[in-house]
Amino acid sequence: MREGGAVAEALRNTVDLARHAERLGFTRFWLAEHHNMPGIASAATSVLIGHVAGATSTIRVGSGGIMLPNHSALVIAEHFGTLETLYPGRIDLGVGRAPGSDGLASRALRYNSAEDDFPRQVAELLAYLAPARPGQRLVAYPGEGTNVPVWLLGSTTYSAELAAAVGLPFAFASHFAPALLDEALAVYREGFTASRYLDRPYAMAGVPLVAAETDAEARRLATSALQRGLRLIRGEPIFVPPPVESMDGRWSDTERFRVESRMEVAAIGSPETVRQQLDAFQRRTGVDELMLVSDVYDHALRLRSFEIAAEAILRPVSK
């Protein structure tokens, strides 16, 4: 959500962005579960996924992710089984183990903080989405037999290890926590076990994106993301603020380091700069897909940012 905007505006812009991404040839549009977080309006994640899927026609729509310890695996299987039934072949279910909220909201959600329970929850979810076994008494209906693709999400090596062991695709949250990206990808690839879901490792990485007509304009627009990151580490509401000419005097050295560390893999610049940055990132990491996140204040400029990225991906740097 942008500073000064309303929830209704943010939801309209979300649909508009999804349609725009579909026209540009992007293949996925994911929404994340967050609670008690003014500035992010996707708390009812499965509801919003259905709204976006209903407003588009071909792009896959999914969660990036559902925070599984907040929920019953049965309920999530039912929600996403319903979505898959309504929009067959277009729903993704990315799951993570963080609360997606603060401590107060976690307690209200009855968040299960037991780390050892997460693999069991994932196994339970996969079982509910698979065809029911003979005599199975508890069935996700709808959900049973839909085989909604499940991704494991993470910002450490924990989910990388689990995704490798179960044979699931893995998405790393490098758009806000890039520090362990290379280590997590290595753990995932080296430990991967082929499964009925995948026969080889398949990885995605998040990339912050701010693309504009010139490098200077992109750097100016990127101050919205920097200010938002600063508000996050200060525990303030994270509405996307208007850009500023300079961040000088707005943060301490420690705050600057923390915020810029979160943006370490960002693609910020003109069309040619962004093309080179995205190409270099993909070559370095070898990921199969990029998930782009663009915290640009002006909606039209945010749409343009994705247009530039689409052009960069379709016409990568020559090898």
C-alpha atoms as a PDB file:
ATOM      1  CA  MET A   1       0.000   0.000   0.000  1.00  0.00           C
ATOM      2  CA  ARG A   2       1.184   3.506  -0.744  1.00  0.00           C
ATOM      3  CA  GLU A   3       1.332   6.242   1.849  1.00  0.00           C
ATOM      4  CA  GLY A   4      -1.931   8.189   1.768  1.00  0.00           C
ATOM      5  CA  GLY A   5      -3.737   5.418  -0.113  1.00  0.00           C
ATOM      6  CA  ALA A   6      -6.615   3.209   0.969  1.00  0.00           C
ATOM      7  CA  VAL A   7      -6.929  -0.561   1.116  1.00  0.00           C
ATOM      8  CA  ALA A   8      -9.460  -0.497  -1.728  1.00  0.00           C
ATOM      9  CA  GLU A   9      -6.990   1.389  -3.917  1.00  0.00           C
ATOM     10  CA  ALA A  10      -4.231  -1.118  -3.128  1.00  0.00           C
ATOM     11  CA  LEU A  11      -6.466  -4.040  -4.057  1.00  0.00           C
ATOM     12  CA  ARG A  12      -7.494  -2.371  -7.331  1.00  0.00           C
ATOM     13  CA  ASN A  13      -3.851  -1.715  -8.136  1.00  0.00           C
ATOM     14  CA  THR A  14      -3.002  -5.334  -7.329  1.00  0.00           C
ATOM     15  CA  VAL A  15      -5.502  -6.575  -9.902  1.00  0.00           C
ATOM     16  CA  ASP A  16      -4.265  -4.011 -12.429  1.00  0.00           C
ATOM     17  CA  LEU A  17      -0.663  -5.106 -11.870  1.00  0.00           C
ATOM     18  CA  ALA A  18      -1.592  -8.772 -12.272  1.00  0.00           C
ATOM     19  CA  ARG A  19      -3.339  -8.075 -15.575  1.00  0.00           C
ATOM     20  CA  HIS A  20      -0.371  -5.992 -16.685  1.00  0.00           C
ATOM     21  CA  ALA A  21       2.055  -8.778 -15.748  1.00  0.00           C
ATOM     22  CA  GLU A  22      -0.062 -11.277 -17.673  1.00  0.00           C
ATOM     23  CA  ARG A  23       0.015  -9.113 -20.811  1.00  0.00           C
ATOM     24  CA  LEU A  24       3.789  -8.738 -20.480  1.00  0.00           C
ATOM     25  CA  GLY A  25       4.278 -12.515 -20.431  1.00  0.00           C
ATOM     26  CA  PHE A  26       5.065 -13.097 -16.767  1.00  0.00           C
ATOM     27  CA  THR A  27       3.968 -16.549 -15.655  1.00  0.00           C
ATOM     28  CA  ARG A  28       3.305 -16.167 -11.907  1.00  0.00           C
ATOM     29  CA  PHE A  29       1.799 -13.597  -9.569  1.00  0.00           C
ATOM     30  CA  TRP A  30       2.204 -14.355  -5.864  1.00  0.00           C
ATOM     31  CA  LEU A  31       0.766 -12.726  -2.753  1.00  0.00           C
ATOM     32  CA  ALA A  32       2.125 -12.995   0.781  1.00  0.00           C
ATOM     33  CA  GLU A  33       0.406 -13.571   4.110  1.00  0.00           C
ATOM     34  CA  HIS A  34       1.032 -10.802   6.654  1.00  0.00           C
ATOM     35  CA  HIS A  35      -0.932  -9.838   9.755  1.00  0.00           C
ATOM     36  CA  ASN A  36      -1.073  -6.710  11.898  1.00  0.00           C
ATOM     37  CA  MET A  37       1.145  -4.971   9.360  1.00  0.00           C
ATOM     38  CA  PRO A  38      -0.262  -1.618   8.205  1.00  0.00           C
ATOM     39  CA  GLY A  39       1.029  -1.130   4.689  1.00  0.00           C
ATOM     40  CA  ILE A  40       0.370  -4.695   3.468  1.00  0.00           C
ATOM     41  CA  ALA A  41      -3.230  -5.619   2.626  1.00  0.00           C
ATOM     42  CA  SER A  42      -2.926  -9.347   1.874  1.00  0.00           C
ATOM     43  CA  ALA A  43      -3.821 -10.827   5.276  1.00  0.00           C
ATOM     44  CA  ALA A  44      -6.713 -12.821   3.735  1.00  0.00           C
ATOM     45  CA  THR A  45      -4.300 -14.332   1.238  1.00  0.00           C
ATOM     46  CA  SER A  46      -6.438 -17.081  -0.282  1.00  0.00           C
ATOM     47  CA  VAL A  47      -9.350 -14.656  -0.718  1.00  0.00           C
ATOM     48  CA  LEU A  48      -7.135 -12.233  -2.584  1.00  0.00           C
ATOM     49  CA  ILE A  49      -5.635 -15.011  -4.714  1.00  0.00           C
ATOM     50  CA  GLY A  50      -9.135 -15.949  -5.827  1.00  0.00           C
ATOM     51  CA  HIS A  51      -9.937 -12.313  -6.604  1.00  0.00           C
ATOM     52  CA  VAL A  52      -6.806 -11.914  -8.738  1.00  0.00           C
ATOM     53  CA  ALA A  53      -7.245 -15.258 -10.482  1.00  0.00           C
ATOM     54  CA  GLY A  54     -10.819 -14.322 -11.348  1.00  0.00           C
ATOM     55  CA  ALA A  55      -9.639 -11.055 -12.890  1.00  0.00           C
ATOM     56  CA  THR A  56      -6.972 -12.698 -15.069  1.00  0.00           C
ATOM     57  CA  SER A  57      -7.019 -15.605 -17.498  1.00  0.00           C
ATOM     58  CA  THR A  58      -3.650 -17.321 -17.938  1.00  0.00           C
ATOM     59  CA  ILE A  59      -1.121 -16.235 -15.315  1.00  0.00           C
ATOM     60  CA  ARG A  60      -0.584 -18.571 -12.365  1.00  0.00           C
ATOM     61  CA  VAL A  61      -1.639 -16.982  -9.067  1.00  0.00           C
ATOM     62  CA  GLY A  62      -0.392 -18.190  -5.734  1.00  0.00           C
ATOM     63  CA  SER A  63       0.916 -17.580  -2.258  1.00  0.00           C
ATOM     64  CA  GLY A  64       4.391 -16.395  -1.508  1.00  0.00           C
ATOM     65  CA  GLY A  65       3.544 -17.580   0.945  1.00  0.00           C
ATOM     66  CA  ILE A  66       1.005 -18.999   3.321  1.00  0.00           C
ATOM     67  CA  MET A  67       2.563 -19.192   6.789  1.00  0.00           C
ATOM     68  CA  LEU A  68       1.586 -22.767   7.520  1.00  0.00           C
ATOM     69  CA  PRO A  69       2.119 -22.738  11.324  1.00  0.00           C
ATOM     70  CA  ASN A  70      -0.658 -20.122  11.528  1.00  0.00           C
ATOM     71  CA  HIS A  71      -3.184 -22.605  10.144  1.00  0.00           C
ATOM     72  CA  SER A  72      -4.581 -26.087  10.045  1.00  0.00           C
ATOM     73  CA  ALA A  73      -3.130 -27.950   7.076  1.00  0.00           C
ATOM     74  CA  LEU A  74      -6.632 -29.280   6.378  1.00  0.00           C
ATOM     75  CA  VAL A  75      -8.077 -25.770   6.034  1.00  0.00           C
ATOM     76  CA  ILE A  76      -5.275 -24.645   3.697  1.00  0.00           C
ATOM     77  CA  ALA A  77      -5.798 -27.760   1.560  1.00  0.00           C
ATOM     78  CA  GLU A  78      -9.513 -26.964   1.386  1.00  0.00           C
ATOM     79  CA  HIS A  79      -8.894 -23.310   0.489  1.00  0.00           C
ATOM     80  CA  PHE A  80      -6.390 -24.065  -2.235  1.00  0.00           C
ATOM     81  CA  GLY A  81      -8.283 -27.099  -3.442  1.00  0.00           C
ATOM     82  CA  THR A  82     -11.262 -24.810  -3.950  1.00  0.00           C
ATOM     83  CA  LEU A  83      -9.087 -22.283  -5.782  1.00  0.00           C
ATOM     84  CA  GLU A  84      -7.621 -25.004  -8.009  1.00  0.00           C
ATOM     85  CA  THR A  85     -11.120 -26.262  -8.800  1.00  0.00           C
ATOM     86  CA  LEU A  86     -12.230 -22.746  -9.772  1.00  0.00           C
ATOM     87  CA  TYR A  87      -9.056 -21.939 -11.726  1.00  0.00           C
ATOM     88  CA  PRO A  88      -7.599 -25.296 -12.827  1.00  0.00           C
ATOM     89  CA  GLY A  89      -3.891 -25.375 -13.589  1.00  0.00           C
ATOM     90  CA  ARG A  90      -3.350 -21.807 -12.388  1.00  0.00           C
ATOM     91  CA  ILE A  91      -2.845 -22.006  -8.602  1.00  0.00           C
ATOM     92  CA  ASP A  92       0.439 -22.243  -6.667  1.00  0.00           C
ATOM     93  CA  LEU A  93       0.767 -22.886  -2.944  1.00  0.00           C
ATOM     94  CA  GLY A  94       3.974 -21.503  -1.491  1.00  0.00           C
ATOM     95  CA  VAL A  95       4.323 -22.167   2.236  1.00  0.00           C
ATOM     96  CA  GLY A  96       6.691 -20.851   4.872  1.00  0.00           C
ATOM     97  CA  ARG A  97       7.168 -21.325   8.595  1.00  0.00           C
ATOM     98  CA  ALA A  98       7.556 -17.705   9.785  1.00  0.00           C
ATOM     99  CA  PRO A  99       4.515 -16.099  11.428  1.00  0.00           C
ATOM    100  CA  GLY A 100       4.296 -13.246   8.920  1.00  0.00           C
ATOM    101  CA  SER A 101       3.463 -10.938  11.787  1.00  0.00           C
ATOM    102  CA  ASP A 102       4.586  -9.634  15.156  1.00  0.00           C
ATOM    103  CA  GLY A 103       4.409 -11.457  18.491  1.00  0.00           C
ATOM    104  CA  LEU A 104       1.022 -10.060  19.382  1.00  0.00           C
ATOM    105  CA  ALA A 105      -0.563 -11.231  16.130  1.00  0.00           C
ATOM    106  CA  SER A 106       1.224 -14.577  16.385  1.00  0.00           C
ATOM    107  CA  ARG A 107      -0.428 -15.238  19.712  1.00  0.00           C
ATOM    108  CA  ALA A 108      -3.816 -14.196  18.336  1.00  0.00           C
ATOM    109  CA  LEU A 109      -3.315 -16.579  15.403  1.00  0.00           C
ATOM    110  CA  ARG A 110      -2.288 -19.431  17.744  1.00  0.00           C
ATOM    111  CA  TYR A 111       0.989 -19.658  15.789  1.00  0.00           C
ATOM    112  CA  ASN A 112       2.734 -22.993  16.288  1.00  0.00           C
ATOM    113  CA  SER A 113       6.346 -22.077  17.009  1.00  0.00           C
ATOM    114  CA  ALA A 114       7.604 -25.675  17.338  1.00  0.00           C
ATOM    115  CA  GLU A 115      10.212 -25.985  14.588  1.00  0.00           C
ATOM    116  CA  ASP A 116       9.998 -29.784  14.546  1.00  0.00           C
ATOM    117  CA  ASP A 117       6.292 -29.617  13.684  1.00  0.00           C
ATOM    118  CA  PHE A 118       6.789 -27.882  10.335  1.00  0.00           C
ATOM    119  CA  PRO A 119       7.892 -30.968   8.355  1.00  0.00           C
ATOM    120  CA  ARG A 120       4.867 -32.823   9.722  1.00  0.00           C
ATOM    121  CA  GLN A 121       2.573 -29.966   8.688  1.00  0.00           C
ATOM    122  CA  VAL A 122       4.024 -29.987   5.171  1.00  0.00           C
ATOM    123  CA  ALA A 123       3.602 -33.756   4.895  1.00  0.00           C
ATOM    124  CA  GLU A 124       0.029 -33.448   6.127  1.00  0.00           C
ATOM    125  CA  LEU A 125      -0.730 -30.723   3.580  1.00  0.00           C
ATOM    126  CA  LEU A 126       0.717 -32.773   0.715  1.00  0.00           C
ATOM    127  CA  ALA A 127      -1.321 -35.791   1.805  1.00  0.00           C
ATOM    128  CA  TYR A 128      -4.556 -33.790   1.830  1.00  0.00           C
ATOM    129  CA  LEU A 129      -3.898 -32.533  -1.714  1.00  0.00           C
ATOM    130  CA  ALA A 130      -3.067 -36.002  -3.040  1.00  0.00           C
ATOM    131  CA  PRO A 131      -5.713 -38.527  -4.109  1.00  0.00           C
ATOM    132  CA  ALA A 132      -7.447 -39.992  -1.070  1.00  0.00           C
ATOM    133  CA  ARG A 133      -6.322 -43.459  -0.021  1.00  0.00           C
ATOM    134  CA  PRO A 134      -8.833 -46.301   0.324  1.00  0.00           C
ATOM    135  CA  GLY A 135     -10.489 -46.032   3.712  1.00  0.00           C
ATOM    136  CA  GLN A 136      -9.124 -42.555   4.410  1.00  0.00           C
ATOM    137  CA  ARG A 137     -11.578 -41.022   6.868  1.00  0.00           C
ATOM    138  CA  LEU A 138     -10.391 -37.409   6.899  1.00  0.00           C
ATOM    139  CA  VAL A 139     -10.449 -35.842   3.426  1.00  0.00           C
ATOM    140  CA  ALA A 140      -9.926 -32.280   2.179  1.00  0.00           C
ATOM    141  CA  TYR A 141     -13.019 -31.692   0.111  1.00  0.00           C
ATOM    142  CA  PRO A 142     -12.451 -29.814  -2.151  1.00  0.00           C
ATOM    143  CA  GLY A 143      -8.714 -30.394  -2.191  1.00  0.00           C
ATOM    144  CA  GLU A 144      -8.291 -34.153  -2.385  1.00  0.00           C
ATOM    145  CA  GLY A 145      -6.681 -35.138  -5.692  1.00  0.00           C
ATOM    146  CA  THR A 146      -6.089 -31.571  -6.868  1.00  0.00           C
ATOM    147  CA  ASN A 147      -2.311 -31.898  -6.411  1.00  0.00           C
ATOM    148  CA  VAL A 148      -1.869 -28.136  -6.145  1.00  0.00           C
ATOM    149  CA  PRO A 149       1.873 -27.474  -6.658  1.00  0.00           C
ATOM    150  CA  VAL A 150       3.468 -26.816  -3.276  1.00  0.00           C
ATOM    151  CA  TRP A 151       6.632 -24.713  -2.949  1.00  0.00           C
ATOM    152  CA  LEU A 152       8.702 -24.306   0.189  1.00  0.00           C
ATOM    153  CA  LEU A 153       9.763 -20.745   0.951  1.00  0.00           C
ATOM    154  CA  GLY A 154      12.569 -19.589   3.173  1.00  0.00           C
ATOM    155  CA  SER A 155      15.287 -17.093   4.011  1.00  0.00           C
ATOM    156  CA  THR A 156      17.663 -19.609   5.666  1.00  0.00           C
ATOM    157  CA  THR A 157      18.886 -23.111   4.925  1.00  0.00           C
ATOM    158  CA  TYR A 158      16.077 -24.737   6.974  1.00  0.00           C
ATOM    159  CA  SER A 159      13.419 -24.810   4.251  1.00  0.00           C
ATOM    160  CA  ALA A 160      16.113 -25.502   1.653  1.00  0.00           C
ATOM    161  CA  GLU A 161      16.982 -28.737   3.470  1.00  0.00           C
ATOM    162  CA  LEU A 162      13.336 -29.717   3.830  1.00  0.00           C
ATOM    163  CA  ALA A 163      12.503 -28.922   0.195  1.00  0.00           C
ATOM    164  CA  ALA A 164      15.472 -31.036  -0.885  1.00  0.00           C
ATOM    165  CA  ALA A 165      14.467 -33.951   1.330  1.00  0.00           C
ATOM    166  CA  VAL A 166      10.841 -33.951   0.171  1.00  0.00           C
ATOM    167  CA  GLY A 167      11.648 -33.169  -3.465  1.00  0.00           C
ATOM    168  CA  LEU A 168       9.725 -29.893  -3.707  1.00  0.00           C
ATOM    169  CA  PRO A 169      10.529 -26.637  -5.525  1.00  0.00           C
ATOM    170  CA  PHE A 170      12.230 -24.022  -3.366  1.00  0.00           C
ATOM    171  CA  ALA A 171      11.852 -20.226  -3.345  1.00  0.00           C
ATOM    172  CA  PHE A 172      14.366 -18.084  -1.459  1.00  0.00           C
ATOM    173  CA  ALA A 173      13.340 -14.695  -0.028  1.00  0.00           C
ATOM    174  CA  SER A 174      16.378 -12.802  -1.308  1.00  0.00           C
ATOM    175  CA  HIS A 175      14.180  -9.800  -2.053  1.00  0.00           C
ATOM    176  CA  PHE A 176      14.425  -8.934   1.653  1.00  0.00           C
ATOM    177  CA  ALA A 177      16.935 -11.362   3.221  1.00  0.00           C
ATOM    178  CA  PRO A 178      19.675 -12.201   0.687  1.00  0.00           C
ATOM    179  CA  ALA A 179      22.481 -13.064   3.116  1.00  0.00           C
ATOM    180  CA  LEU A 180      22.120 -16.854   2.935  1.00  0.00           C
ATOM    181  CA  LEU A 181      20.963 -17.122  -0.682  1.00  0.00           C
ATOM    182  CA  ASP A 182      24.017 -18.900  -2.092  1.00  0.00           C
ATOM    183  CA  GLU A 183      24.340 -21.234   0.892  1.00  0.00           C
ATOM    184  CA  ALA A 184      20.643 -22.154   0.785  1.00  0.00           C
ATOM    185  CA  LEU A 185      20.716 -22.852  -2.956  1.00  0.00           C
ATOM    186  CA  ALA A 186      23.783 -25.067  -2.514  1.00  0.00           C
ATOM    187  CA  VAL A 187      22.142 -26.982   0.340  1.00  0.00           C
ATOM    188  CA  TYR A 188      18.992 -27.461  -1.723  1.00  0.00           C
ATOM    189  CA  ARG A 189      20.750 -28.664  -4.867  1.00  0.00           C
ATOM    190  CA  GLU A 190      23.254 -30.916  -3.120  1.00  0.00           C
ATOM    191  CA  GLY A 191      20.632 -32.583  -0.920  1.00  0.00           C
ATOM    192  CA  PHE A 192      17.835 -32.867  -3.466  1.00  0.00           C
ATOM    193  CA  THR A 193      15.995 -36.170  -3.674  1.00  0.00           C
ATOM    194  CA  ALA A 194      13.841 -36.828  -6.734  1.00  0.00           C
ATOM    195  CA  SER A 195      10.156 -37.255  -5.919  1.00  0.00           C
ATOM    196  CA  ARG A 196       6.778 -37.594  -7.559  1.00  0.00           C
ATOM    197  CA  TYR A 197       6.692 -33.787  -7.539  1.00  0.00           C
ATOM    198  CA  LEU A 198      10.061 -33.090  -9.201  1.00  0.00           C
ATOM    199  CA  ASP A 199      12.812 -35.105 -10.837  1.00  0.00           C
ATOM    200  CA  ARG A 200      15.438 -32.364 -10.398  1.00  0.00           C
ATOM    201  CA  PRO A 201      15.942 -29.291  -8.201  1.00  0.00           C
ATOM    202  CA  TYR A 202      13.887 -26.258  -9.187  1.00  0.00           C
ATOM    203  CA  ALA A 203      14.636 -22.937  -7.506  1.00  0.00           C
ATOM    204  CA  MET A 204      13.317 -19.393  -7.495  1.00  0.00           C
ATOM    205  CA  ALA A 205      14.840 -16.269  -5.949  1.00  0.00           C
ATOM    206  CA  GLY A 206      13.260 -12.928  -5.104  1.00  0.00           C
ATOM    207  CA  VAL A 207      14.746  -9.726  -6.520  1.00  0.00           C
ATOM    208  CA  PRO A 208      13.799  -6.146  -5.584  1.00  0.00           C
ATOM    209  CA  LEU A 209      13.158  -4.188  -8.776  1.00  0.00           C
ATOM    210  CA  VAL A 210      13.134  -0.463  -9.522  1.00  0.00           C
ATOM    211  CA  ALA A 211      13.455   0.194 -13.235  1.00  0.00           C
ATOM    212  CA  ALA A 212      13.062   3.571 -14.946  1.00  0.00           C
ATOM    213  CA  GLU A 213      14.198   5.408 -18.067  1.00  0.00           C
ATOM    214  CA  THR A 214      17.527   6.447 -16.533  1.00  0.00           C
ATOM    215  CA  ASP A 215      19.775   5.210 -13.757  1.00  0.00           C
ATOM    216  CA  ALA A 216      19.341   8.493 -11.899  1.00  0.00           C
ATOM    217  CA  GLU A 217      15.551   8.320 -12.006  1.00  0.00           C
ATOM    218  CA  ALA A 218      15.585   4.685 -10.863  1.00  0.00           C
ATOM    219  CA  ARG A 219      17.821   5.551  -7.917  1.00  0.00           C
ATOM    220  CA  ARG A 220      15.427   8.348  -6.955  1.00  0.00           C
ATOM    221  CA  LEU A 221      12.392   6.044  -7.175  1.00  0.00           C
ATOM    222  CA  ALA A 222      14.269   3.426  -5.128  1.00  0.00           C
ATOM    223  CA  THR A 223      14.324   5.762  -2.137  1.00  0.00           C
ATOM    224  CA  SER A 224      10.704   4.687  -1.545  1.00  0.00           C
ATOM    225  CA  ALA A 225      11.886   1.111  -0.971  1.00  0.00           C
ATOM    226  CA  LEU A 226      14.776   2.329   1.187  1.00  0.00           C
ATOM    227  CA  GLN A 227      12.459   4.424   3.344  1.00  0.00           C
ATOM    228  CA  ARG A 228      10.073   1.490   3.639  1.00  0.00           C
ATOM    229  CA  GLY A 229      12.906  -0.778   4.749  1.00  0.00           C
ATOM    230  CA  LEU A 230      13.964   1.810   7.282  1.00  0.00           C
ATOM    231  CA  ARG A 231      10.442   1.986   8.692  1.00  0.00           C
ATOM    232  CA  LEU A 232      10.359  -1.792   8.936  1.00  0.00           C
ATOM    233  CA  ILE A 233      13.513  -2.069  11.047  1.00  0.00           C
ATOM    234  CA  ARG A 234      12.242   0.780  13.226  1.00  0.00           C
ATOM    235  CA  GLY A 235       8.945  -1.024  13.817  1.00  0.00           C
ATOM    236  CA  GLU A 236       6.893   1.658  12.060  1.00  0.00           C
ATOM    237  CA  PRO A 237       4.000   1.217   9.581  1.00  0.00           C
ATOM    238  CA  ILE A 238       5.410   0.293   6.173  1.00  0.00           C
ATOM    239  CA  PHE A 239       3.237   2.154   3.708  1.00  0.00           C
ATOM    240  CA  VAL A 240       5.265   2.921   0.575  1.00  0.00           C
ATOM    241  CA  PRO A 241       6.288   6.607   0.846  1.00  0.00           C
ATOM    242  CA  PRO A 242       6.941   9.052  -2.011  1.00  0.00           C
ATOM    243  CA  PRO A 243      10.538   9.113  -3.242  1.00  0.00           C
ATOM    244  CA  VAL A 244      12.987  11.711  -1.980  1.00  0.00           C
ATOM    245  CA  GLU A 245      16.018  13.272  -3.595  1.00  0.00           C
ATOM    246  CA  SER A 246      18.419  11.872  -1.003  1.00  0.00           C
ATOM    247  CA  MET A 247      18.473   9.579   2.007  1.00  0.00           C
ATOM    248  CA  ASP A 248      21.165  11.699   3.656  1.00  0.00           C
ATOM    249  CA  GLY A 249      20.201  12.571   7.212  1.00  0.00           C
ATOM    250  CA  ARG A 250      17.308  10.115   7.241  1.00  0.00           C
ATOM    251  CA  TRP A 251      19.156   7.168   8.757  1.00  0.00           C
ATOM    252  CA  SER A 252      22.105   6.324  10.955  1.00  0.00           C
ATOM    253  CA  ASP A 253      25.109   4.430   9.592  1.00  0.00           C
ATOM    254  CA  THR A 254      23.852   1.258  11.255  1.00  0.00           C
ATOM    255  CA  GLU A 255      20.367   1.688   9.815  1.00  0.00           C
ATOM    256  CA  ARG A 256      21.786   2.357   6.367  1.00  0.00           C
ATOM    257  CA  PHE A 257      23.840  -0.828   6.522  1.00  0.00           C
ATOM    258  CA  ARG A 258      20.827  -2.900   7.595  1.00  0.00           C
ATOM    259  CA  VAL A 259      18.510  -1.481   4.946  1.00  0.00           C
ATOM    260  CA  GLU A 260      21.016  -1.650   2.102  1.00  0.00           C
ATOM    261  CA  SER A 261      21.926  -5.218   3.106  1.00  0.00           C
ATOM    262  CA  ARG A 262      18.299  -6.180   2.527  1.00  0.00           C
ATOM    263  CA  MET A 263      18.532  -4.680  -0.982  1.00  0.00           C
ATOM    264  CA  GLU A 264      21.840  -6.338  -1.848  1.00  0.00           C
ATOM    265  CA  VAL A 265      20.531  -8.189  -4.928  1.00  0.00           C
ATOM    266  CA  ALA A 266      18.240  -5.410  -6.164  1.00  0.00           C
ATOM    267  CA  ALA A 267      18.001  -4.525  -9.844  1.00  0.00           C
ATOM    268  CA  ILE A 268      17.866  -0.721  -9.928  1.00  0.00           C
ATOM    269  CA  GLY A 269      18.463   1.344 -13.018  1.00  0.00           C
ATOM    270  CA  SER A 270      17.734   2.073 -16.658  1.00  0.00           C
ATOM    271  CA  PRO A 271      16.599  -0.648 -19.098  1.00  0.00           C
ATOM    272  CA  GLU A 272      20.175  -1.562 -19.983  1.00  0.00           C
ATOM    273  CA  THR A 273      21.381  -1.499 -16.374  1.00  0.00           C
ATOM    274  CA  VAL A 274      18.491  -3.684 -15.214  1.00  0.00           C
ATOM    275  CA  ARG A 275      19.075  -6.075 -18.101  1.00  0.00           C
ATOM    276  CA  GLN A 276      22.690  -6.518 -17.052  1.00  0.00           C
ATOM    277  CA  GLN A 277      21.847  -6.830 -13.352  1.00  0.00           C
ATOM    278  CA  LEU A 278      19.139  -9.464 -13.838  1.00  0.00           C
ATOM    279  CA  ASP A 279      21.305 -11.404 -16.278  1.00  0.00           C
ATOM    280  CA  ALA A 280      24.287 -11.361 -13.909  1.00  0.00           C
ATOM    281  CA  PHE A 281      22.122 -12.464 -10.977  1.00  0.00           C
ATOM    282  CA  GLN A 282      20.607 -15.348 -12.924  1.00  0.00           C
ATOM    283  CA  ARG A 283      23.995 -16.500 -14.195  1.00  0.00           C
ATOM    284  CA  ARG A 284      25.550 -16.313 -10.717  1.00  0.00           C
ATOM    285  CA  THR A 285      22.778 -18.165  -8.920  1.00  0.00           C
ATOM    286  CA  GLY A 286      21.534 -20.448 -11.698  1.00  0.00           C
ATOM    287  CA  VAL A 287      17.969 -20.105 -10.423  1.00  0.00           C
ATOM    288  CA  ASP A 288      15.170 -21.307 -12.667  1.00  0.00           C
ATOM    289  CA  GLU A 289      12.898 -18.349 -11.999  1.00  0.00           C
ATOM    290  CA  LEU A 290      13.061 -14.810 -10.657  1.00  0.00           C
ATOM    291  CA  MET A 291      10.282 -13.324  -8.518  1.00  0.00           C
ATOM    292  CA  LEU A 292      10.342  -9.543  -8.845  1.00  0.00           C
ATOM    293  CA  VAL A 293       9.090  -7.164  -6.142  1.00  0.00           C
ATOM    294  CA  SER A 294       8.798  -3.457  -6.940  1.00  0.00           C
ATOM    295  CA  ASP A 295       8.067  -0.941  -4.161  1.00  0.00           C
ATOM    296  CA  VAL A 296       7.492   2.077  -6.409  1.00  0.00           C
ATOM    297  CA  TYR A 297       5.173   4.737  -5.016  1.00  0.00           C
ATOM    298  CA  ASP A 298       3.454   5.827  -8.243  1.00  0.00           C
ATOM    299  CA  HIS A 299       1.314   3.050  -9.706  1.00  0.00           C
ATOM    300  CA  ALA A 300       1.952   3.983 -13.347  1.00  0.00           C
ATOM    301  CA  LEU A 301       5.714   4.054 -12.741  1.00  0.00           C
ATOM    302  CA  ARG A 302       5.473   0.697 -10.976  1.00  0.00           C
ATOM    303  CA  LEU A 303       3.784  -0.749 -14.065  1.00  0.00           C
ATOM    304  CA  ARG A 304       6.556   0.730 -16.207  1.00  0.00           C
ATOM    305  CA  SER A 305       9.154  -0.850 -13.923  1.00  0.00           C
ATOM    306  CA  PHE A 306       7.755  -4.290 -14.747  1.00  0.00           C
ATOM    307  CA  GLU A 307       7.598  -3.444 -18.462  1.00  0.00           C
ATOM    308  CA  ILE A 308      11.308  -2.681 -18.434  1.00  0.00           C
ATOM    309  CA  ALA A 309      12.025  -5.907 -16.532  1.00  0.00           C
ATOM    310  CA  ALA A 310       9.969  -7.937 -19.017  1.00  0.00           C
ATOM    311  CA  GLU A 311      11.960  -6.463 -21.895  1.00  0.00           C
ATOM    312  CA  ALA A 312      15.197  -7.248 -20.065  1.00  0.00           C
ATOM    313  CA  ILE A 313      14.209 -10.870 -19.476  1.00  0.00           C
ATOM    314  CA  LEU A 314      13.018 -11.383 -23.044  1.00  0.00           C
ATOM    315  CA  ARG A 315      16.226  -9.831 -24.429  1.00  0.00           C
ATOM    316  CA  PRO A 316      18.984 -10.864 -22.025  1.00  0.00           C
ATOM    317  CA  VAL A 317      22.626  -9.845 -22.354  1.00  0.00           C
ATOM    318  CA  SER A 318      24.403 -11.748 -25.121  1.00  0.00           C
ATOM    319  CA  LYS A 319      26.749 -14.450 -23.873  1.00  0.00           C
END
